[in-house]
Amino acid sequence: MSLPKEKKLARFMMHLNVIIGAWCFIVFVMSVAMKMWLTAIPMAGCGIWQYFSYKSWQKKA
C-alpha cells in the first residue's frame, strides 16, 4: 500500500523542515555564544518560520 503523492510530499517537507530548523537552532546558539547578533537574529527568524511551515505541512499529512 503506497501513500498518495500529496502525503509523501507533506512527509518529506516535514522532515526537511525539522532538519533546517535544527540547523538554524544550532547556528543561532553558536551566534549568540560568539555575540554575532547579525547572524543570530535571522537564524531565530528562520527557526520560527520552519516551525510554522512544519505545522502547515503537518495538517496536510
PDB file of N, CA and C in Angstrom:
ATOM      1  N   MET A   1       0.837  -1.172   0.000  1.00  0.00           N
ATOM      2  CA  MET A   1       0.000   0.000   0.000  1.00  0.00           C
ATOM      3  C   MET A   1       0.890   1.246   0.000  1.00  0.00           C
ATOM      4  N   SER A   2       0.716   2.022  -0.984  1.00  0.00           N
ATOM      5  CA  SER A   2       1.514   3.225  -1.154  1.00  0.00           C
ATOM      6  C   SER A   2       0.703   4.460  -0.755  1.00  0.00           C
ATOM      7  N   LEU A   3       1.403   5.434  -0.225  1.00  0.00           N
ATOM      8  CA  LEU A   3       0.745   6.688   0.132  1.00  0.00           C
ATOM      9  C   LEU A   3       0.539   7.534  -1.117  1.00  0.00           C
ATOM     10  N   PRO A   4      -0.489   8.370  -1.117  1.00  0.00           N
ATOM     11  CA  PRO A   4      -0.669   9.284  -2.251  1.00  0.00           C
ATOM     12  C   PRO A   4       0.499  10.272  -2.333  1.00  0.00           C
ATOM     13  N   LYS A   5       0.678  10.853  -3.516  1.00  0.00           N
ATOM     14  CA  LYS A   5       1.784  11.783  -3.730  1.00  0.00           C
ATOM     15  C   LYS A   5       1.744  12.969  -2.778  1.00  0.00           C
ATOM     16  N   GLU A   6       0.570  13.481  -2.484  1.00  0.00           N
ATOM     17  CA  GLU A   6       0.448  14.638  -1.594  1.00  0.00           C
ATOM     18  C   GLU A   6       0.942  14.304  -0.198  1.00  0.00           C
ATOM     19  N   LYS A   7       0.600  13.106   0.281  1.00  0.00           N
ATOM     20  CA  LYS A   7       1.039  12.687   1.620  1.00  0.00           C
ATOM     21  C   LYS A   7       2.553  12.480   1.657  1.00  0.00           C
ATOM     22  N   LYS A   8       3.108  11.899   0.593  1.00  0.00           N
ATOM     23  CA  LYS A   8       4.552  11.706   0.531  1.00  0.00           C
ATOM     24  C   LYS A   8       5.279  13.042   0.537  1.00  0.00           C
ATOM     25  N   LEU A   9       4.769  13.996  -0.249  1.00  0.00           N
ATOM     26  CA  LEU A   9       5.378  15.318  -0.295  1.00  0.00           C
ATOM     27  C   LEU A   9       5.295  15.999   1.069  1.00  0.00           C
ATOM     28  N   ALA A  10       4.145  15.879   1.720  1.00  0.00           N
ATOM     29  CA  ALA A  10       3.969  16.500   3.036  1.00  0.00           C
ATOM     30  C   ALA A  10       4.940  15.902   4.048  1.00  0.00           C
ATOM     31  N   ARG A  11       5.097  14.594   4.038  1.00  0.00           N
ATOM     32  CA  ARG A  11       6.024  13.956   4.979  1.00  0.00           C
ATOM     33  C   ARG A  11       7.462  14.345   4.687  1.00  0.00           C
ATOM     34  N   PHE A  12       7.826  14.419   3.406  1.00  0.00           N
ATOM     35  CA  PHE A  12       9.177  14.831   3.033  1.00  0.00           C
ATOM     36  C   PHE A  12       9.445  16.265   3.494  1.00  0.00           C
ATOM     37  N   MET A  13       8.483  17.147   3.269  1.00  0.00           N
ATOM     38  CA  MET A  13       8.655  18.542   3.660  1.00  0.00           C
ATOM     39  C   MET A  13       8.719  18.696   5.174  1.00  0.00           C
ATOM     40  N   MET A  14       7.976  17.874   5.904  1.00  0.00           N
ATOM     41  CA  MET A  14       8.057  17.914   7.361  1.00  0.00           C
ATOM     42  C   MET A  14       9.455  17.540   7.831  1.00  0.00           C
ATOM     43  N   HIS A  15      10.024  16.499   7.237  1.00  0.00           N
ATOM     44  CA  HIS A  15      11.384  16.103   7.597  1.00  0.00           C
ATOM     45  C   HIS A  15      12.385  17.193   7.231  1.00  0.00           C
ATOM     46  N   LEU A  16      12.210  17.792   6.076  1.00  0.00           N
ATOM     47  CA  LEU A  16      13.104  18.865   5.645  1.00  0.00           C
ATOM     48  C   LEU A  16      13.002  20.066   6.588  1.00  0.00           C
ATOM     49  N   ASN A  17      11.799  20.398   7.027  1.00  0.00           N
ATOM     50  CA  ASN A  17      11.624  21.499   7.971  1.00  0.00           C
ATOM     51  C   ASN A  17      12.302  21.213   9.304  1.00  0.00           C
ATOM     52  N   VAL A  18      12.252  19.985   9.761  1.00  0.00           N
ATOM     53  CA  VAL A  18      12.910  19.629  11.021  1.00  0.00           C
ATOM     54  C   VAL A  18      14.425  19.768  10.875  1.00  0.00           C
ATOM     55  N   ILE A  19      14.974  19.312   9.768  1.00  0.00           N
ATOM     56  CA  ILE A  19      16.422  19.395   9.545  1.00  0.00           C
ATOM     57  C   ILE A  19      16.874  20.850   9.459  1.00  0.00           C
ATOM     58  N   ILE A  20      16.175  21.646   8.662  1.00  0.00           N
ATOM     59  CA  ILE A  20      16.550  23.060   8.520  1.00  0.00           C
ATOM     60  C   ILE A  20      16.349  23.798   9.839  1.00  0.00           C
ATOM     61  N   GLY A  21      15.280  23.507  10.543  1.00  0.00           N
ATOM     62  CA  GLY A  21      15.030  24.143  11.841  1.00  0.00           C
ATOM     63  C   GLY A  21      16.098  23.805  12.857  1.00  0.00           C
ATOM     64  N   ALA A  22      16.546  22.555  12.875  1.00  0.00           N
ATOM     65  CA  ALA A  22      17.617  22.163  13.799  1.00  0.00           C
ATOM     66  C   ALA A  22      18.913  22.878  13.448  1.00  0.00           C
ATOM     67  N   TRP A  23      19.199  22.981  12.158  1.00  0.00           N
ATOM     68  CA  TRP A  23      20.412  23.693  11.721  1.00  0.00           C
ATOM     69  C   TRP A  23      20.332  25.167  12.125  1.00  0.00           C
ATOM     70  N   CYS A  24      19.175  25.787  11.943  1.00  0.00           N
ATOM     71  CA  CYS A  24      19.005  27.187  12.346  1.00  0.00           C
ATOM     72  C   CYS A  24      19.210  27.351  13.848  1.00  0.00           C
ATOM     73  N   PHE A  25      18.700  26.418  14.630  1.00  0.00           N
ATOM     74  CA  PHE A  25      18.856  26.491  16.080  1.00  0.00           C
ATOM     75  C   PHE A  25      20.327  26.370  16.482  1.00  0.00           C
ATOM     76  N   ILE A  26      21.046  25.452  15.859  1.00  0.00           N
ATOM     77  CA  ILE A  26      22.472  25.276  16.169  1.00  0.00           C
ATOM     78  C   ILE A  26      23.254  26.533  15.824  1.00  0.00           C
ATOM     79  N   VAL A  27      23.015  27.087  14.642  1.00  0.00           N
ATOM     80  CA  VAL A  27      23.715  28.307  14.235  1.00  0.00           C
ATOM     81  C   VAL A  27      23.313  29.478  15.133  1.00  0.00           C
ATOM     82  N   PHE A  28      22.040  29.526  15.540  1.00  0.00           N
ATOM     83  CA  PHE A  28      21.587  30.574  16.445  1.00  0.00           C
ATOM     84  C   PHE A  28      22.334  30.515  17.774  1.00  0.00           C
ATOM     85  N   VAL A  29      22.436  29.330  18.356  1.00  0.00           N
ATOM     86  CA  VAL A  29      23.136  29.176  19.642  1.00  0.00           C
ATOM     87  C   VAL A  29      24.605  29.548  19.501  1.00  0.00           C
ATOM     88  N   MET A  30      25.240  29.108  18.422  1.00  0.00           N
ATOM     89  CA  MET A  30      26.645  29.460  18.207  1.00  0.00           C
ATOM     90  C   MET A  30      26.812  30.966  18.016  1.00  0.00           C
ATOM     91  N   SER A  31      25.891  31.592  17.312  1.00  0.00           N
ATOM     92  CA  SER A  31      25.978  33.033  17.074  1.00  0.00           C
ATOM     93  C   SER A  31      25.812  33.825  18.367  1.00  0.00           C
ATOM     94  N   VAL A  32      24.892  33.393  19.216  1.00  0.00           N
ATOM     95  CA  VAL A  32      24.712  34.071  20.498  1.00  0.00           C
ATOM     96  C   VAL A  32      25.951  33.880  21.372  1.00  0.00           C
ATOM     97  N   ALA A  33      26.508  32.686  21.355  1.00  0.00           N
ATOM     98  CA  ALA A  33      27.700  32.430  22.159  1.00  0.00           C
ATOM     99  C   ALA A  33      28.880  33.290  21.710  1.00  0.00           C
ATOM    100  N   MET A  34      28.969  33.545  20.415  1.00  0.00           N
ATOM    101  CA  MET A  34      30.071  34.365  19.885  1.00  0.00           C
ATOM    102  C   MET A  34      29.681  35.838  19.759  1.00  0.00           C
ATOM    103  N   LYS A  35      28.463  36.182  20.208  1.00  0.00           N
ATOM    104  CA  LYS A  35      27.941  37.547  20.166  1.00  0.00           C
ATOM    105  C   LYS A  35      27.944  38.125  18.751  1.00  0.00           C
ATOM    106  N   MET A  36      27.526  37.303  17.813  1.00  0.00           N
ATOM    107  CA  MET A  36      27.381  37.738  16.414  1.00  0.00           C
ATOM    108  C   MET A  36      25.886  37.956  16.168  1.00  0.00           C
ATOM    109  N   TRP A  37      25.393  39.121  16.559  1.00  0.00           N
ATOM    110  CA  TRP A  37      23.962  39.382  16.550  1.00  0.00           C
ATOM    111  C   TRP A  37      23.388  39.471  15.148  1.00  0.00           C
ATOM    112  N   LEU A  38      24.189  39.895  14.170  1.00  0.00           N
ATOM    113  CA  LEU A  38      23.667  39.996  12.801  1.00  0.00           C
ATOM    114  C   LEU A  38      23.377  38.620  12.201  1.00  0.00           C
ATOM    115  N   THR A  39      23.983  37.593  12.738  1.00  0.00           N
ATOM    116  CA  THR A  39      23.690  36.228  12.297  1.00  0.00           C
ATOM    117  C   THR A  39      22.599  35.602  13.155  1.00  0.00           C
ATOM    118  N   ALA A  40      22.583  35.932  14.442  1.00  0.00           N
ATOM    119  CA  ALA A  40      21.641  35.305  15.368  1.00  0.00           C
ATOM    120  C   ALA A  40      20.190  35.685  15.057  1.00  0.00           C
ATOM    121  N   ILE A  41      19.959  36.938  14.732  1.00  0.00           N
ATOM    122  CA  ILE A  41      18.583  37.393  14.504  1.00  0.00           C
ATOM    123  C   ILE A  41      17.936  36.702  13.293  1.00  0.00           C
ATOM    124  N   PRO A  42      18.622  36.637  12.129  1.00  0.00           N
ATOM    125  CA  PRO A  42      17.998  35.909  11.011  1.00  0.00           C
ATOM    126  C   PRO A  42      17.818  34.410  11.288  1.00  0.00           C
ATOM    127  N   MET A  43      18.728  33.814  12.047  1.00  0.00           N
ATOM    128  CA  MET A  43      18.592  32.389  12.357  1.00  0.00           C
ATOM    129  C   MET A  43      17.400  32.146  13.271  1.00  0.00           C
ATOM    130  N   ALA A  44      17.136  33.051  14.187  1.00  0.00           N
ATOM    131  CA  ALA A  44      15.947  32.923  15.040  1.00  0.00           C
ATOM    132  C   ALA A  44      14.687  33.029  14.177  1.00  0.00           C
ATOM    133  N   GLY A  45      14.685  33.990  13.253  1.00  0.00           N
ATOM    134  CA  GLY A  45      13.539  34.133  12.352  1.00  0.00           C
ATOM    135  C   GLY A  45      13.348  32.916  11.477  1.00  0.00           C
ATOM    136  N   CYS A  46      14.446  32.371  10.972  1.00  0.00           N
ATOM    137  CA  CYS A  46      14.370  31.177  10.125  1.00  0.00           C
ATOM    138  C   CYS A  46      13.826  29.986  10.918  1.00  0.00           C
ATOM    139  N   GLY A  47      14.274  29.837  12.166  1.00  0.00           N
ATOM    140  CA  GLY A  47      13.781  28.742  13.001  1.00  0.00           C
ATOM    141  C   GLY A  47      12.295  28.854  13.273  1.00  0.00           C
ATOM    142  N   ILE A  48      11.825  30.066  13.545  1.00  0.00           N
ATOM    143  CA  ILE A  48      10.393  30.284  13.783  1.00  0.00           C
ATOM    144  C   ILE A  48       9.599  29.991  12.518  1.00  0.00           C
ATOM    145  N   TRP A  49      10.128  30.440  11.379  1.00  0.00           N
ATOM    146  CA  TRP A  49       9.467  30.191  10.096  1.00  0.00           C
ATOM    147  C   TRP A  49       9.378  28.683   9.819  1.00  0.00           C
ATOM    148  N   GLN A  50      10.431  27.930  10.118  1.00  0.00           N
ATOM    149  CA  GLN A  50      10.428  26.491   9.894  1.00  0.00           C
ATOM    150  C   GLN A  50       9.396  25.802  10.783  1.00  0.00           C
ATOM    151  N   TYR A  51       9.223  26.289  12.004  1.00  0.00           N
ATOM    152  CA  TYR A  51       8.233  25.715  12.909  1.00  0.00           C
ATOM    153  C   TYR A  51       6.824  25.860  12.326  1.00  0.00           C
ATOM    154  N   PHE A  52       6.496  27.072  11.870  1.00  0.00           N
ATOM    155  CA  PHE A  52       5.155  27.289  11.318  1.00  0.00           C
ATOM    156  C   PHE A  52       4.969  26.554   9.995  1.00  0.00           C
ATOM    157  N   SER A  53       6.027  26.444   9.216  1.00  0.00           N
ATOM    158  CA  SER A  53       5.953  25.680   7.977  1.00  0.00           C
ATOM    159  C   SER A  53       5.719  24.203   8.281  1.00  0.00           C
ATOM    160  N   TYR A  54       6.394  23.691   9.299  1.00  0.00           N
ATOM    161  CA  TYR A  54       6.199  22.302   9.726  1.00  0.00           C
ATOM    162  C   TYR A  54       4.741  22.066  10.115  1.00  0.00           C
ATOM    163  N   LYS A  55       4.174  22.993  10.888  1.00  0.00           N
ATOM    164  CA  LYS A  55       2.791  22.839  11.325  1.00  0.00           C
ATOM    165  C   LYS A  55       1.818  22.859  10.145  1.00  0.00           C
ATOM    166  N   SER A  56       2.098  23.690   9.147  1.00  0.00           N
ATOM    167  CA  SER A  56       1.193  23.732   7.995  1.00  0.00           C
ATOM    168  C   SER A  56       1.288  22.439   7.180  1.00  0.00           C
ATOM    169  N   TRP A  57       2.486  21.876   7.035  1.00  0.00           N
ATOM    170  CA  TRP A  57       2.614  20.602   6.317  1.00  0.00           C
ATOM    171  C   TRP A  57       2.028  19.457   7.129  1.00  0.00           C
ATOM    172  N   GLN A  58       2.085  19.579   8.459  1.00  0.00           N
ATOM    173  CA  GLN A  58       1.542  18.526   9.310  1.00  0.00           C
ATOM    174  C   GLN A  58       0.033  18.391   9.100  1.00  0.00           C
ATOM    175  N   LYS A  59      -0.639  19.497   8.856  1.00  0.00           N
ATOM    176  CA  LYS A  59      -2.082  19.453   8.611  1.00  0.00           C
ATOM    177  C   LYS A  59      -2.409  18.710   7.320  1.00  0.00           C
ATOM    178  N   LYS A  60      -1.481  18.771   6.347  1.00  0.00           N
ATOM    179  CA  LYS A  60      -1.707  18.123   5.054  1.00  0.00           C
ATOM    180  C   LYS A  60      -1.344  16.648   5.068  1.00  0.00           C
ATOM    181  N   ALA A  61      -0.528  16.244   6.028  1.00  0.00           N
ATOM    182  CA  ALA A  61      -0.045  14.848   6.071  1.00  0.00           C
ATOM    183  C   ALA A  61      -1.064  13.921   6.695  1.00  0.00           C
TER     184      ALA A  61
END
